[in-house]
Amino acid sequence: VASDIVLLNDSQYKLRNQSEVSEYKFSATAQRVLFITGPLKGIFAKTVISAGAPAIVLPKKENEELGYRLAEADVWAFFKRQ
């Protein structure tokens, strides 16, 4: 099921289509988002700059190696102001 990843503050996120609030950490040195709890717990995610804006990428290859089948290709979450 497709959904937006909503970063609520420096440590909490939710999926737009769910009410559950979960925790994440950002590692600036590793350029990674670490999903600690919730529906994305354990998913491999990295951050990139795309067209001058921050984005979160859930790469297919790395996630399949971890046992997750998310999509047929990398999943991109782009920054969008509310």
Protein backbone atom coordinates (compact mmCIF):
# COMPACT_ATOMS: atom_id res chain seq x y z
CA VAL A 1 0.00 0.00 0.00
CA ALA A 2 1.49 3.34 -1.02
CA SER A 3 1.68 6.13 1.50
CA ASP A 4 3.64 9.27 2.30
CA ILE A 5 6.30 9.19 5.03
CA VAL A 6 5.55 12.14 7.31
CA LEU A 7 8.45 13.27 9.53
CA LEU A 8 6.70 14.87 12.50
CA ASN A 9 9.76 16.18 14.35
CA ASP A 10 13.38 15.18 15.01
CA SER A 11 12.47 11.68 16.16
CA GLN A 12 8.92 10.72 15.12
CA TYR A 13 7.30 9.73 11.84
CA LYS A 14 4.05 8.25 10.59
CA LEU A 15 2.67 7.02 7.34
CA ARG A 16 -0.02 9.35 6.03
CA ASN A 17 -2.58 6.54 5.74
CA GLN A 18 -1.99 5.33 9.33
CA SER A 19 -2.49 6.92 12.75
CA GLU A 20 0.41 5.11 14.44
CA VAL A 21 3.30 7.42 15.39
CA SER A 22 6.70 5.71 15.34
CA GLU A 23 10.32 6.63 16.02
CA TYR A 24 13.27 7.23 13.74
CA LYS A 25 16.81 8.55 14.05
CA PHE A 26 18.83 10.43 11.45
CA SER A 27 22.54 9.74 11.09
CA ALA A 28 24.20 12.70 9.38
CA THR A 29 27.55 10.93 9.10
CA ALA A 30 26.03 7.84 7.47
CA GLN A 31 23.37 9.86 5.56
CA ARG A 32 20.81 7.32 6.77
CA VAL A 33 17.36 7.38 8.30
CA LEU A 34 17.07 4.61 10.88
CA PHE A 35 13.47 3.57 11.47
CA ILE A 36 13.48 2.33 15.09
CA THR A 37 9.81 1.36 15.53
CA GLY A 38 6.63 1.07 13.50
CA PRO A 39 5.84 -0.15 9.99
CA LEU A 40 9.24 0.82 8.55
CA LYS A 41 11.27 -0.70 11.41
CA GLY A 42 14.42 -2.30 10.02
CA ILE A 43 13.97 -0.94 6.49
CA PHE A 44 17.19 0.33 4.89
CA ALA A 45 16.83 4.02 4.05
CA LYS A 46 19.36 6.59 2.91
CA THR A 47 19.12 10.32 2.31
CA VAL A 48 20.09 12.14 -0.86
CA ILE A 49 19.67 15.55 -2.45
CA SER A 50 17.49 15.36 -5.56
CA ALA A 51 16.95 18.49 -7.67
CA GLY A 52 18.18 20.57 -4.74
CA ALA A 53 15.72 19.09 -2.21
CA PRO A 54 16.21 16.36 0.39
CA ALA A 55 14.79 12.91 -0.31
CA ILE A 56 14.70 9.51 1.41
CA VAL A 57 15.48 6.48 -0.75
CA LEU A 58 14.46 2.93 0.18
CA PRO A 59 16.74 0.98 -2.18
CA LYS A 60 15.34 -2.25 -3.59
CA LYS A 61 18.64 -4.19 -3.55
CA GLU A 62 19.62 -3.46 0.06
CA ASN A 63 16.11 -4.11 1.36
CA GLU A 64 15.78 -7.40 -0.54
CA GLU A 65 19.10 -8.47 1.03
CA LEU A 66 17.46 -7.79 4.42
CA GLY A 67 14.42 -9.87 3.43
CA TYR A 68 12.03 -7.02 2.55
CA ARG A 69 10.23 -6.82 -0.78
CA LEU A 70 8.97 -3.26 -0.99
CA ALA A 71 8.52 -2.59 -4.69
CA GLU A 72 9.80 -3.43 -8.17
CA ALA A 73 12.32 -0.56 -7.98
CA ASP A 74 13.84 1.83 -5.46
CA VAL A 75 11.23 3.77 -3.49
CA TRP A 76 11.77 7.53 -3.31
CA ALA A 77 10.19 9.83 -0.72
CA PHE A 78 10.53 13.49 -1.73
CA PHE A 79 10.42 16.50 0.58
CA LYS A 80 7.12 18.35 0.42
CA ARG A 81 6.05 21.29 2.61
CA GLN A 82 2.68 21.01 4.30
